[in-house]
Amino acid sequence: MSKQQAGFTLIELVMVIVILGILAATAIPKFTDLSTEAQQAATDGIAGALGSGSAINLAVRSLNVANGDAVASCGDIASTLDGGLPANYSISGGIPGCNVVHTSGAAASFVGHAIP
């Protein structure tokens, strides 16, 4: 009677570990930059919301001067958002070319409308 062994040899285990290491080394760089892209996408979203809020405010104010917010600068446009400008963001520039910047450095521009 011969006894058969079941399992993997040491060389097979080493090869699997090497292959997994190569796959990990290839995949990790693709995922490390996702936070930068996500922050840029969030900043683009804030800029879009500010541009839309400014345009809606202009339309409401055009219909009735008593409604809407008076906007004299890009910074005033933050008041058109519910809850105002989110934390860690700032607005710069001059109407109509306004910019929103996150503390991480992500930036986007939007069109602001001046309303007396």
PDB file of N, CA and C in Angstrom:
ATOM      1  N   MET A   1       0.804  -1.165   0.000  1.00  0.00           N
ATOM      2  CA  MET A   1       0.000   0.000   0.000  1.00  0.00           C
ATOM      3  C   MET A   1       0.866   1.255   0.000  1.00  0.00           C
ATOM      4  N   SER A   2       0.496   2.131  -0.897  1.00  0.00           N
ATOM      5  CA  SER A   2       1.260   3.359  -0.985  1.00  0.00           C
ATOM      6  C   SER A   2       0.413   4.508  -0.450  1.00  0.00           C
ATOM      7  N   LYS A   3       1.047   5.373   0.235  1.00  0.00           N
ATOM      8  CA  LYS A   3       0.367   6.505   0.857  1.00  0.00           C
ATOM      9  C   LYS A   3       0.488   7.709  -0.083  1.00  0.00           C
ATOM     10  N   GLN A   4      -0.646   8.300  -0.504  1.00  0.00           N
ATOM     11  CA  GLN A   4      -0.612   9.470  -1.379  1.00  0.00           C
ATOM     12  C   GLN A   4      -0.790  10.733  -0.548  1.00  0.00           C
ATOM     13  N   GLN A   5      -0.011  11.722  -0.908  1.00  0.00           N
ATOM     14  CA  GLN A   5      -0.108  12.995  -0.204  1.00  0.00           C
ATOM     15  C   GLN A   5      -0.981  13.951  -1.014  1.00  0.00           C
ATOM     16  N   ALA A   6      -1.800  14.681  -0.335  1.00  0.00           N
ATOM     17  CA  ALA A   6      -2.629  15.693  -0.990  1.00  0.00           C
ATOM     18  C   ALA A   6      -2.135  17.057  -0.544  1.00  0.00           C
ATOM     19  N   GLY A   7      -2.144  18.012  -1.475  1.00  0.00           N
ATOM     20  CA  GLY A   7      -1.719  19.366  -1.142  1.00  0.00           C
ATOM     21  C   GLY A   7      -0.832  19.939  -2.227  1.00  0.00           C
ATOM     22  N   PHE A   8      -0.281  21.094  -1.938  1.00  0.00           N
ATOM     23  CA  PHE A   8       0.553  21.789  -2.901  1.00  0.00           C
ATOM     24  C   PHE A   8       2.010  21.690  -2.484  1.00  0.00           C
ATOM     25  N   THR A   9       2.868  21.708  -3.481  1.00  0.00           N
ATOM     26  CA  THR A   9       4.295  21.713  -3.175  1.00  0.00           C
ATOM     27  C   THR A   9       4.706  23.141  -2.839  1.00  0.00           C
ATOM     28  N   LEU A  10       5.853  23.284  -2.274  1.00  0.00           N
ATOM     29  CA  LEU A  10       6.357  24.599  -1.891  1.00  0.00           C
ATOM     30  C   LEU A  10       6.532  25.486  -3.113  1.00  0.00           C
ATOM     31  N   ILE A  11       7.006  24.944  -4.202  1.00  0.00           N
ATOM     32  CA  ILE A  11       7.224  25.744  -5.413  1.00  0.00           C
ATOM     33  C   ILE A  11       5.894  26.253  -5.977  1.00  0.00           C
ATOM     34  N   GLU A  12       4.821  25.453  -5.886  1.00  0.00           N
ATOM     35  CA  GLU A  12       3.506  25.902  -6.351  1.00  0.00           C
ATOM     36  C   GLU A  12       2.986  27.056  -5.493  1.00  0.00           C
ATOM     37  N   LEU A  13       3.166  26.972  -4.201  1.00  0.00           N
ATOM     38  CA  LEU A  13       2.732  28.051  -3.313  1.00  0.00           C
ATOM     39  C   LEU A  13       3.515  29.331  -3.562  1.00  0.00           C
ATOM     40  N   VAL A  14       4.809  29.203  -3.780  1.00  0.00           N
ATOM     41  CA  VAL A  14       5.646  30.380  -4.060  1.00  0.00           C
ATOM     42  C   VAL A  14       5.216  31.028  -5.367  1.00  0.00           C
ATOM     43  N   MET A  15       4.923  30.231  -6.381  1.00  0.00           N
ATOM     44  CA  MET A  15       4.497  30.783  -7.677  1.00  0.00           C
ATOM     45  C   MET A  15       3.167  31.539  -7.545  1.00  0.00           C
ATOM     46  N   VAL A  16       2.236  31.005  -6.780  1.00  0.00           N
ATOM     47  CA  VAL A  16       0.955  31.688  -6.579  1.00  0.00           C
ATOM     48  C   VAL A  16       1.176  33.019  -5.866  1.00  0.00           C
ATOM     49  N   ILE A  17       2.043  33.033  -4.871  1.00  0.00           N
ATOM     50  CA  ILE A  17       2.327  34.277  -4.145  1.00  0.00           C
ATOM     51  C   ILE A  17       2.988  35.299  -5.064  1.00  0.00           C
ATOM     52  N   VAL A  18       3.897  34.857  -5.914  1.00  0.00           N
ATOM     53  CA  VAL A  18       4.559  35.764  -6.860  1.00  0.00           C
ATOM     54  C   VAL A  18       3.545  36.342  -7.839  1.00  0.00           C
ATOM     55  N   ILE A  19       2.651  35.516  -8.359  1.00  0.00           N
ATOM     56  CA  ILE A  19       1.636  35.998  -9.302  1.00  0.00           C
ATOM     57  C   ILE A  19       0.707  36.996  -8.624  1.00  0.00           C
ATOM     58  N   LEU A  20       0.281  36.715  -7.404  1.00  0.00           N
ATOM     59  CA  LEU A  20      -0.567  37.659  -6.670  1.00  0.00           C
ATOM     60  C   LEU A  20       0.162  38.978  -6.409  1.00  0.00           C
ATOM     61  N   GLY A  21       1.435  38.905  -6.119  1.00  0.00           N
ATOM     62  CA  GLY A  21       2.230  40.116  -5.911  1.00  0.00           C
ATOM     63  C   GLY A  21       2.309  40.962  -7.171  1.00  0.00           C
ATOM     64  N   ILE A  22       2.497  40.316  -8.319  1.00  0.00           N
ATOM     65  CA  ILE A  22       2.549  41.049  -9.588  1.00  0.00           C
ATOM     66  C   ILE A  22       1.206  41.699  -9.883  1.00  0.00           C
ATOM     67  N   LEU A  23       0.109  40.980  -9.666  1.00  0.00           N
ATOM     68  CA  LEU A  23      -1.219  41.554  -9.889  1.00  0.00           C
ATOM     69  C   LEU A  23      -1.487  42.740  -8.957  1.00  0.00           C
ATOM     70  N   ALA A  24      -1.082  42.620  -7.712  1.00  0.00           N
ATOM     71  CA  ALA A  24      -1.279  43.715  -6.759  1.00  0.00           C
ATOM     72  C   ALA A  24      -0.454  44.937  -7.144  1.00  0.00           C
ATOM     73  N   ALA A  25       0.786  44.711  -7.563  1.00  0.00           N
ATOM     74  CA  ALA A  25       1.648  45.832  -7.954  1.00  0.00           C
ATOM     75  C   ALA A  25       1.111  46.546  -9.186  1.00  0.00           C
ATOM     76  N   THR A  26       0.400  45.827 -10.029  1.00  0.00           N
ATOM     77  CA  THR A  26      -0.185  46.426 -11.230  1.00  0.00           C
ATOM     78  C   THR A  26      -1.467  47.183 -10.894  1.00  0.00           C
ATOM     79  N   ALA A  27      -2.259  46.678  -9.967  1.00  0.00           N
ATOM     80  CA  ALA A  27      -3.565  47.272  -9.677  1.00  0.00           C
ATOM     81  C   ALA A  27      -3.500  48.458  -8.728  1.00  0.00           C
ATOM     82  N   ILE A  28      -2.597  48.475  -7.783  1.00  0.00           N
ATOM     83  CA  ILE A  28      -2.557  49.518  -6.755  1.00  0.00           C
ATOM     84  C   ILE A  28      -2.399  50.923  -7.339  1.00  0.00           C
ATOM     85  N   PRO A  29      -1.506  51.160  -8.310  1.00  0.00           N
ATOM     86  CA  PRO A  29      -1.396  52.530  -8.844  1.00  0.00           C
ATOM     87  C   PRO A  29      -2.678  53.041  -9.491  1.00  0.00           C
ATOM     88  N   LYS A  30      -3.507  52.157  -9.986  1.00  0.00           N
ATOM     89  CA  LYS A  30      -4.748  52.593 -10.617  1.00  0.00           C
ATOM     90  C   LYS A  30      -5.761  53.095  -9.591  1.00  0.00           C
ATOM     91  N   PHE A  31      -5.659  52.652  -8.356  1.00  0.00           N
ATOM     92  CA  PHE A  31      -6.616  53.042  -7.330  1.00  0.00           C
ATOM     93  C   PHE A  31      -6.102  54.146  -6.419  1.00  0.00           C
ATOM     94  N   THR A  32      -4.836  54.449  -6.449  1.00  0.00           N
ATOM     95  CA  THR A  32      -4.299  55.456  -5.540  1.00  0.00           C
ATOM     96  C   THR A  32      -4.731  56.868  -5.918  1.00  0.00           C
ATOM     97  N   ASP A  33      -5.006  57.133  -7.189  1.00  0.00           N
ATOM     98  CA  ASP A  33      -5.348  58.479  -7.620  1.00  0.00           C
ATOM     99  C   ASP A  33      -6.855  58.730  -7.610  1.00  0.00           C
ATOM    100  N   LEU A  34      -7.641  57.790  -7.127  1.00  0.00           N
ATOM    101  CA  LEU A  34      -9.089  57.963  -7.143  1.00  0.00           C
ATOM    102  C   LEU A  34      -9.559  59.084  -6.226  1.00  0.00           C
ATOM    103  N   SER A  35      -8.867  59.327  -5.120  1.00  0.00           N
ATOM    104  CA  SER A  35      -9.317  60.386  -4.215  1.00  0.00           C
ATOM    105  C   SER A  35      -9.176  61.760  -4.867  1.00  0.00           C
ATOM    106  N   THR A  36      -8.139  61.966  -5.656  1.00  0.00           N
ATOM    107  CA  THR A  36      -7.966  63.241  -6.357  1.00  0.00           C
ATOM    108  C   THR A  36      -9.082  63.438  -7.377  1.00  0.00           C
ATOM    109  N   GLU A  37      -9.381  62.387  -8.126  1.00  0.00           N
ATOM    110  CA  GLU A  37     -10.454  62.476  -9.121  1.00  0.00           C
ATOM    111  C   GLU A  37     -11.808  62.682  -8.450  1.00  0.00           C
ATOM    112  N   ALA A  38     -12.033  62.038  -7.325  1.00  0.00           N
ATOM    113  CA  ALA A  38     -13.297  62.202  -6.604  1.00  0.00           C
ATOM    114  C   ALA A  38     -13.445  63.627  -6.083  1.00  0.00           C
ATOM    115  N   GLN A  39     -12.369  64.201  -5.574  1.00  0.00           N
ATOM    116  CA  GLN A  39     -12.425  65.579  -5.066  1.00  0.00           C
ATOM    117  C   GLN A  39     -12.683  66.557  -6.203  1.00  0.00           C
ATOM    118  N   GLN A  40     -12.076  66.306  -7.377  1.00  0.00           N
ATOM    119  CA  GLN A  40     -12.320  67.184  -8.527  1.00  0.00           C
ATOM    120  C   GLN A  40     -13.774  67.078  -8.975  1.00  0.00           C
ATOM    121  N   ALA A  41     -14.322  65.868  -8.974  1.00  0.00           N
ATOM    122  CA  ALA A  41     -15.722  65.679  -9.357  1.00  0.00           C
ATOM    123  C   ALA A  41     -16.658  66.385  -8.377  1.00  0.00           C
ATOM    124  N   ALA A  42     -16.349  66.321  -7.092  1.00  0.00           N
ATOM    125  CA  ALA A  42     -17.166  67.007  -6.089  1.00  0.00           C
ATOM    126  C   ALA A  42     -17.097  68.519  -6.287  1.00  0.00           C
ATOM    127  N   THR A  43     -15.917  69.028  -6.589  1.00  0.00           N
ATOM    128  CA  THR A  43     -15.754  70.469  -6.823  1.00  0.00           C
ATOM    129  C   THR A  43     -16.512  70.890  -8.078  1.00  0.00           C
ATOM    130  N   ASP A  44     -16.467  70.065  -9.119  1.00  0.00           N
ATOM    131  CA  ASP A  44     -17.237  70.355 -10.329  1.00  0.00           C
ATOM    132  C   ASP A  44     -18.733  70.395 -10.016  1.00  0.00           C
ATOM    133  N   GLY A  45     -19.187  69.502  -9.153  1.00  0.00           N
ATOM    134  CA  GLY A  45     -20.590  69.479  -8.761  1.00  0.00           C
ATOM    135  C   GLY A  45     -20.998  70.733  -8.001  1.00  0.00           C
ATOM    136  N   ILE A  46     -20.134  71.181  -7.100  1.00  0.00           N
ATOM    137  CA  ILE A  46     -20.408  72.419  -6.350  1.00  0.00           C
ATOM    138  C   ILE A  46     -20.466  73.604  -7.313  1.00  0.00           C
ATOM    139  N   ALA A  47     -19.534  73.653  -8.266  1.00  0.00           N
ATOM    140  CA  ALA A  47     -19.529  74.747  -9.248  1.00  0.00           C
ATOM    141  C   ALA A  47     -20.807  74.723 -10.075  1.00  0.00           C
ATOM    142  N   GLY A  48     -21.255  73.545 -10.478  1.00  0.00           N
ATOM    143  CA  GLY A  48     -22.502  73.442 -11.227  1.00  0.00           C
ATOM    144  C   GLY A  48     -23.698  73.905 -10.413  1.00  0.00           C
ATOM    145  N   ALA A  49     -23.721  73.527  -9.138  1.00  0.00           N
ATOM    146  CA  ALA A  49     -24.814  73.943  -8.260  1.00  0.00           C
ATOM    147  C   ALA A  49     -24.810  75.459  -8.074  1.00  0.00           C
ATOM    148  N   LEU A  50     -23.627  76.049  -7.924  1.00  0.00           N
ATOM    149  CA  LEU A  50     -23.542  77.503  -7.767  1.00  0.00           C
ATOM    150  C   LEU A  50     -23.984  78.227  -9.034  1.00  0.00           C
ATOM    151  N   GLY A  51     -23.582  77.716 -10.195  1.00  0.00           N
ATOM    152  CA  GLY A  51     -24.008  78.324 -11.460  1.00  0.00           C
ATOM    153  C   GLY A  51     -25.515  78.224 -11.648  1.00  0.00           C
ATOM    154  N   SER A  52     -26.077  77.059 -11.330  1.00  0.00           N
ATOM    155  CA  SER A  52     -27.528  76.876 -11.443  1.00  0.00           C
ATOM    156  C   SER A  52     -28.275  77.754 -10.449  1.00  0.00           C
ATOM    157  N   GLY A  53     -27.774  77.806  -9.218  1.00  0.00           N
ATOM    158  CA  GLY A  53     -28.400  78.648  -8.207  1.00  0.00           C
ATOM    159  C   GLY A  53     -28.382  80.113  -8.609  1.00  0.00           C
ATOM    160  N   SER A  54     -27.293  80.533  -9.208  1.00  0.00           N
ATOM    161  CA  SER A  54     -27.185  81.923  -9.656  1.00  0.00           C
ATOM    162  C   SER A  54     -28.175  82.210 -10.777  1.00  0.00           C
ATOM    163  N   ALA A  55     -28.310  81.268 -11.724  1.00  0.00           N
ATOM    164  CA  ALA A  55     -29.243  81.464 -12.836  1.00  0.00           C
ATOM    165  C   ALA A  55     -30.694  81.458 -12.351  1.00  0.00           C
ATOM    166  N   ILE A  56     -31.025  80.559 -11.443  1.00  0.00           N
ATOM    167  CA  ILE A  56     -32.386  80.521 -10.902  1.00  0.00           C
ATOM    168  C   ILE A  56     -32.678  81.789 -10.110  1.00  0.00           C
ATOM    169  N   ASN A  57     -31.711  82.236  -9.337  1.00  0.00           N
ATOM    170  CA  ASN A  57     -31.879  83.473  -8.571  1.00  0.00           C
ATOM    171  C   ASN A  57     -32.111  84.656  -9.507  1.00  0.00           C
ATOM    172  N   LEU A  58     -31.394  84.698 -10.627  1.00  0.00           N
ATOM    173  CA  LEU A  58     -31.582  85.768 -11.608  1.00  0.00           C
ATOM    174  C   LEU A  58     -33.003  85.728 -12.169  1.00  0.00           C
ATOM    175  N   ALA A  59     -33.494  84.525 -12.480  1.00  0.00           N
ATOM    176  CA  ALA A  59     -34.848  84.408 -13.034  1.00  0.00           C
ATOM    177  C   ALA A  59     -35.905  84.842 -12.015  1.00  0.00           C
ATOM    178  N   VAL A  60     -35.749  84.397 -10.773  1.00  0.00           N
ATOM    179  CA  VAL A  60     -36.720  84.767  -9.729  1.00  0.00           C
ATOM    180  C   VAL A  60     -36.686  86.267  -9.483  1.00  0.00           C
ATOM    181  N   ARG A  61     -35.504  86.821  -9.426  1.00  0.00           N
ATOM    182  CA  ARG A  61     -35.345  88.260  -9.160  1.00  0.00           C
ATOM    183  C   ARG A  61     -35.865  89.098 -10.333  1.00  0.00           C
ATOM    184  N   SER A  62     -35.732  88.566 -11.556  1.00  0.00           N
ATOM    185  CA  SER A  62     -36.227  89.295 -12.728  1.00  0.00           C
ATOM    186  C   SER A  62     -37.746  89.386 -12.734  1.00  0.00           C
ATOM    187  N   LEU A  63     -38.399  88.357 -12.197  1.00  0.00           N
ATOM    188  CA  LEU A  63     -39.862  88.370 -12.138  1.00  0.00           C
ATOM    189  C   LEU A  63     -40.382  89.328 -11.067  1.00  0.00           C
ATOM    190  N   ASN A  64     -39.686  89.366  -9.942  1.00  0.00           N
ATOM    191  CA  ASN A  64     -40.138  90.216  -8.843  1.00  0.00           C
ATOM    192  C   ASN A  64     -38.920  90.596  -8.007  1.00  0.00           C
ATOM    193  N   VAL A  65     -38.592  91.861  -7.972  1.00  0.00           N
ATOM    194  CA  VAL A  65     -37.389  92.336  -7.289  1.00  0.00           C
ATOM    195  C   VAL A  65     -37.405  92.008  -5.805  1.00  0.00           C
ATOM    196  N   ALA A  66     -38.590  91.819  -5.235  1.00  0.00           N
ATOM    197  CA  ALA A  66     -38.682  91.517  -3.810  1.00  0.00           C
ATOM    198  C   ALA A  66     -38.248  90.078  -3.508  1.00  0.00           C
ATOM    199  N   ASN A  67     -38.212  89.212  -4.520  1.00  0.00           N
ATOM    200  CA  ASN A  67     -37.826  87.817  -4.323  1.00  0.00           C
ATOM    201  C   ASN A  67     -36.357  87.607  -4.690  1.00  0.00           C
ATOM    202  N   GLY A  68     -35.777  86.519  -4.244  1.00  0.00           N
ATOM    203  CA  GLY A  68     -34.392  86.210  -4.584  1.00  0.00           C
ATOM    204  C   GLY A  68     -33.418  87.019  -3.758  1.00  0.00           C
ATOM    205  N   ASP A  69     -32.143  86.723  -3.955  1.00  0.00           N
ATOM    206  CA  ASP A  69     -31.082  87.394  -3.208  1.00  0.00           C
ATOM    207  C   ASP A  69     -30.364  88.398  -4.096  1.00  0.00           C
ATOM    208  N   ALA A  70     -29.988  89.536  -3.513  1.00  0.00           N
ATOM    209  CA  ALA A  70     -29.163  90.490  -4.229  1.00  0.00           C
ATOM    210  C   ALA A  70     -27.743  89.931  -4.300  1.00  0.00           C
ATOM    211  N   VAL A  71     -27.164  89.936  -5.481  1.00  0.00           N
ATOM    212  CA  VAL A  71     -25.833  89.368  -5.689  1.00  0.00           C
ATOM    213  C   VAL A  71     -24.957  90.429  -6.339  1.00  0.00           C
ATOM    214  N   ALA A  72     -23.905  90.832  -5.631  1.00  0.00           N
ATOM    215  CA  ALA A  72     -22.997  91.834  -6.164  1.00  0.00           C
ATOM    216  C   ALA A  72     -21.634  91.251  -6.514  1.00  0.00           C
ATOM    217  N   SER A  73     -21.323  90.082  -5.953  1.00  0.00           N
ATOM    218  CA  SER A  73     -20.023  89.473  -6.209  1.00  0.00           C
ATOM    219  C   SER A  73     -20.158  87.962  -6.256  1.00  0.00           C
ATOM    220  N   CYS A  74     -19.092  87.295  -6.673  1.00  0.00           N
ATOM    221  CA  CYS A  74     -19.104  85.830  -6.719  1.00  0.00           C
ATOM    222  C   CYS A  74     -19.352  85.236  -5.339  1.00  0.00           C
ATOM    223  N   GLY A  75     -18.803  85.836  -4.306  1.00  0.00           N
ATOM    224  CA  GLY A  75     -18.989  85.333  -2.950  1.00  0.00           C
ATOM    225  C   GLY A  75     -20.434  85.361  -2.494  1.00  0.00           C
ATOM    226  N   ASP A  76     -21.221  86.326  -3.013  1.00  0.00           N
ATOM    227  CA  ASP A  76     -22.636  86.419  -2.642  1.00  0.00           C
ATOM    228  C   ASP A  76     -23.455  85.253  -3.202  1.00  0.00           C
ATOM    229  N   ILE A  77     -22.950  84.596  -4.223  1.00  0.00           N
ATOM    230  CA  ILE A  77     -23.702  83.519  -4.876  1.00  0.00           C
ATOM    231  C   ILE A  77     -23.858  82.323  -3.944  1.00  0.00           C
ATOM    232  N   ALA A  78     -22.978  82.167  -2.978  1.00  0.00           N
ATOM    233  CA  ALA A  78     -23.094  81.050  -2.029  1.00  0.00           C
ATOM    234  C   ALA A  78     -24.428  81.080  -1.299  1.00  0.00           C
ATOM    235  N   SER A  79     -25.012  82.267  -1.161  1.00  0.00           N
ATOM    236  CA  SER A  79     -26.298  82.371  -0.465  1.00  0.00           C
ATOM    237  C   SER A  79     -27.437  81.767  -1.281  1.00  0.00           C
ATOM    238  N   THR A  80     -27.197  81.473  -2.555  1.00  0.00           N
ATOM    239  CA  THR A  80     -28.255  80.876  -3.376  1.00  0.00           C
ATOM    240  C   THR A  80     -28.373  79.370  -3.132  1.00  0.00           C
ATOM    241  N   LEU A  81     -27.416  78.775  -2.444  1.00  0.00           N
ATOM    242  CA  LEU A  81     -27.469  77.345  -2.125  1.00  0.00           C
ATOM    243  C   LEU A  81     -28.138  77.138  -0.776  1.00  0.00           C
ATOM    244  N   ASP A  82     -28.961  76.101  -0.678  1.00  0.00           N
ATOM    245  CA  ASP A  82     -29.522  75.746   0.627  1.00  0.00           C
ATOM    246  C   ASP A  82     -28.385  75.357   1.549  1.00  0.00           C
ATOM    247  N   GLY A  83     -28.271  75.987   2.678  1.00  0.00           N
ATOM    248  CA  GLY A  83     -27.195  75.691   3.614  1.00  0.00           C
ATOM    249  C   GLY A  83     -25.902  76.422   3.307  1.00  0.00           C
ATOM    250  N   GLY A  84     -25.864  77.179   2.223  1.00  0.00           N
ATOM    251  CA  GLY A  84     -24.666  77.934   1.878  1.00  0.00           C
ATOM    252  C   GLY A  84     -23.570  77.060   1.286  1.00  0.00           C
ATOM    253  N   LEU A  85     -22.400  77.606   1.223  1.00  0.00           N
ATOM    254  CA  LEU A  85     -21.254  76.920   0.640  1.00  0.00           C
ATOM    255  C   LEU A  85     -20.748  75.845   1.598  1.00  0.00           C
ATOM    256  N   PRO A  86     -20.512  74.621   1.105  1.00  0.00           N
ATOM    257  CA  PRO A  86     -20.004  73.560   1.991  1.00  0.00           C
ATOM    258  C   PRO A  86     -18.642  73.929   2.594  1.00  0.00           C
ATOM    259  N   ALA A  87     -18.301  73.283   3.685  1.00  0.00           N
ATOM    260  CA  ALA A  87     -17.023  73.525   4.357  1.00  0.00           C
ATOM    261  C   ALA A  87     -15.867  73.182   3.421  1.00  0.00           C
ATOM    262  N   ASN A  88     -14.756  73.823   3.609  1.00  0.00           N
ATOM    263  CA  ASN A  88     -13.509  73.615   2.871  1.00  0.00           C
ATOM    264  C   ASN A  88     -13.548  74.130   1.441  1.00  0.00           C
ATOM    265  N   TYR A  89     -14.557  74.901   1.082  1.00  0.00           N
ATOM    266  CA  TYR A  89     -14.628  75.500  -0.252  1.00  0.00           C
ATOM    267  C   TYR A  89     -14.584  77.008  -0.118  1.00  0.00           C
ATOM    268  N   SER A  90     -14.031  77.660  -1.132  1.00  0.00           N
ATOM    269  CA  SER A  90     -14.043  79.120  -1.177  1.00  0.00           C
ATOM    270  C   SER A  90     -14.365  79.555  -2.603  1.00  0.00           C
ATOM    271  N   ILE A  91     -14.896  80.761  -2.721  1.00  0.00           N
ATOM    272  CA  ILE A  91     -15.267  81.303  -4.024  1.00  0.00           C
ATOM    273  C   ILE A  91     -14.408  82.526  -4.293  1.00  0.00           C
ATOM    274  N   SER A  92     -13.918  82.619  -5.536  1.00  0.00           N
ATOM    275  CA  SER A  92     -13.105  83.769  -5.924  1.00  0.00           C
ATOM    276  C   SER A  92     -13.488  84.187  -7.336  1.00  0.00           C
ATOM    277  N   GLY A  93     -12.865  85.237  -7.805  1.00  0.00           N
ATOM    278  CA  GLY A  93     -13.122  85.722  -9.154  1.00  0.00           C
ATOM    279  C   GLY A  93     -14.101  86.870  -9.150  1.00  0.00           C
ATOM    280  N   GLY A  94     -14.402  87.334 -10.350  1.00  0.00           N
ATOM    281  CA  GLY A  94     -15.344  88.430 -10.512  1.00  0.00           C
ATOM    282  C   GLY A  94     -16.439  88.037 -11.480  1.00  0.00           C
ATOM    283  N   ILE A  95     -17.625  88.509 -11.219  1.00  0.00           N
ATOM    284  CA  ILE A  95     -18.773  88.162 -12.064  1.00  0.00           C
ATOM    285  C   ILE A  95     -18.489  88.623 -13.486  1.00  0.00           C
ATOM    286  N   PRO A  96     -18.706  87.830 -14.511  1.00  0.00           N
ATOM    287  CA  PRO A  96     -19.355  86.535 -14.521  1.00  0.00           C
ATOM    288  C   PRO A  96     -18.405  85.344 -14.335  1.00  0.00           C
ATOM    289  N   GLY A  97     -17.101  85.555 -14.322  1.00  0.00           N
ATOM    290  CA  GLY A  97     -16.162  84.436 -14.224  1.00  0.00           C
ATOM    291  C   GLY A  97     -15.799  84.096 -12.799  1.00  0.00           C
ATOM    292  N   CYS A  98     -16.601  83.262 -12.147  1.00  0.00           N
ATOM    293  CA  CYS A  98     -16.367  82.892 -10.757  1.00  0.00           C
ATOM    294  C   CYS A  98     -15.683  81.531 -10.671  1.00  0.00           C
ATOM    295  N   ASN A  99     -14.941  81.329  -9.599  1.00  0.00           N
ATOM    296  CA  ASN A  99     -14.237  80.067  -9.365  1.00  0.00           C
ATOM    297  C   ASN A  99     -14.559  79.549  -7.979  1.00  0.00           C
ATOM    298  N   VAL A 100     -14.648  78.230  -7.864  1.00  0.00           N
ATOM    299  CA  VAL A 100     -14.800  77.593  -6.562  1.00  0.00           C
ATOM    300  C   VAL A 100     -13.574  76.704  -6.377  1.00  0.00           C
ATOM    301  N   VAL A 101     -12.973  76.785  -5.184  1.00  0.00           N
ATOM    302  CA  VAL A 101     -11.732  76.066  -4.904  1.00  0.00           C
ATOM    303  C   VAL A 101     -11.881  75.299  -3.599  1.00  0.00           C
ATOM    304  N   HIS A 102     -11.447  74.042  -3.604  1.00  0.00           N
ATOM    305  CA  HIS A 102     -11.422  73.224  -2.394  1.00  0.00           C
ATOM    306  C   HIS A 102     -10.052  73.348  -1.766  1.00  0.00           C
ATOM    307  N   THR A 103      -9.949  73.114  -0.473  1.00  0.00           N
ATOM    308  CA  THR A 103      -8.658  73.223   0.213  1.00  0.00           C
ATOM    309  C   THR A 103      -7.636  72.220  -0.320  1.00  0.00           C
ATOM    310  N   SER A 104      -8.091  71.155  -0.984  1.00  0.00           N
ATOM    311  CA  SER A 104      -7.164  70.171  -1.560  1.00  0.00           C
ATOM    312  C   SER A 104      -6.510  70.693  -2.827  1.00  0.00           C
ATOM    313  N   GLY A 105      -7.030  71.801  -3.375  1.00  0.00           N
ATOM    314  CA  GLY A 105      -6.477  72.362  -4.602  1.00  0.00           C
ATOM    315  C   GLY A 105      -7.371  72.149  -5.805  1.00  0.00           C
ATOM    316  N   ALA A 106      -8.397  71.325  -5.690  1.00  0.00           N
ATOM    317  CA  ALA A 106      -9.322  71.120  -6.798  1.00  0.00           C
ATOM    318  C   ALA A 106     -10.081  72.420  -7.059  1.00  0.00           C
ATOM    319  N   ALA A 107     -10.210  72.777  -8.325  1.00  0.00           N
ATOM    320  CA  ALA A 107     -10.859  74.041  -8.676  1.00  0.00           C
ATOM    321  C   ALA A 107     -11.768  73.844  -9.879  1.00  0.00           C
ATOM    322  N   ALA A 108     -12.808  74.670  -9.955  1.00  0.00           N
ATOM    323  CA  ALA A 108     -13.727  74.662 -11.091  1.00  0.00           C
ATOM    324  C   ALA A 108     -14.297  76.066 -11.232  1.00  0.00           C
ATOM    325  N   SER A 109     -14.744  76.386 -12.432  1.00  0.00           N
ATOM    326  CA  SER A 109     -15.311  77.716 -12.658  1.00  0.00           C
ATOM    327  C   SER A 109     -16.795  77.600 -13.001  1.00  0.00           C
ATOM    328  N   PHE A 110     -17.504  78.701 -12.790  1.00  0.00           N
ATOM    329  CA  PHE A 110     -18.925  78.770 -13.113  1.00  0.00           C
ATOM    330  C   PHE A 110     -19.280  80.187 -13.445  1.00  0.00           C
ATOM    331  N   VAL A 111     -20.432  80.360 -14.098  1.00  0.00           N
ATOM    332  CA  VAL A 111     -20.902  81.691 -14.494  1.00  0.00           C
ATOM    333  C   VAL A 111     -21.798  82.232 -13.386  1.00  0.00           C
ATOM    334  N   GLY A 112     -21.428  83.396 -12.894  1.00  0.00           N
ATOM    335  CA  GLY A 112     -22.240  84.073 -11.875  1.00  0.00           C
ATOM    336  C   GLY A 112     -22.986  85.238 -12.486  1.00  0.00           C
ATOM    337  N   HIS A 113     -24.171  85.504 -11.971  1.00  0.00           N
ATOM    338  CA  HIS A 113     -25.009  86.592 -12.483  1.00  0.00           C
ATOM    339  C   HIS A 113     -25.159  87.660 -11.409  1.00  0.00           C
ATOM    340  N   ALA A 114     -24.780  88.883 -11.746  1.00  0.00           N
ATOM    341  CA  ALA A 114     -24.929  90.003 -10.817  1.00  0.00           C
ATOM    342  C   ALA A 114     -26.373  90.471 -10.820  1.00  0.00           C
ATOM    343  N   ILE A 115     -26.917  90.647  -9.642  1.00  0.00           N
ATOM    344  CA  ILE A 115     -28.300  91.088  -9.501  1.00  0.00           C
ATOM    345  C   ILE A 115     -28.327  92.197  -8.447  1.00  0.00           C
ATOM    346  N   PRO A 116     -28.791  93.377  -8.811  1.00  0.00           N
ATOM    347  CA  PRO A 116     -28.846  94.473  -7.832  1.00  0.00           C
ATOM    348  C   PRO A 116     -29.900  94.249  -6.762  1.00  0.00           C
TER     349      PRO A 116
END
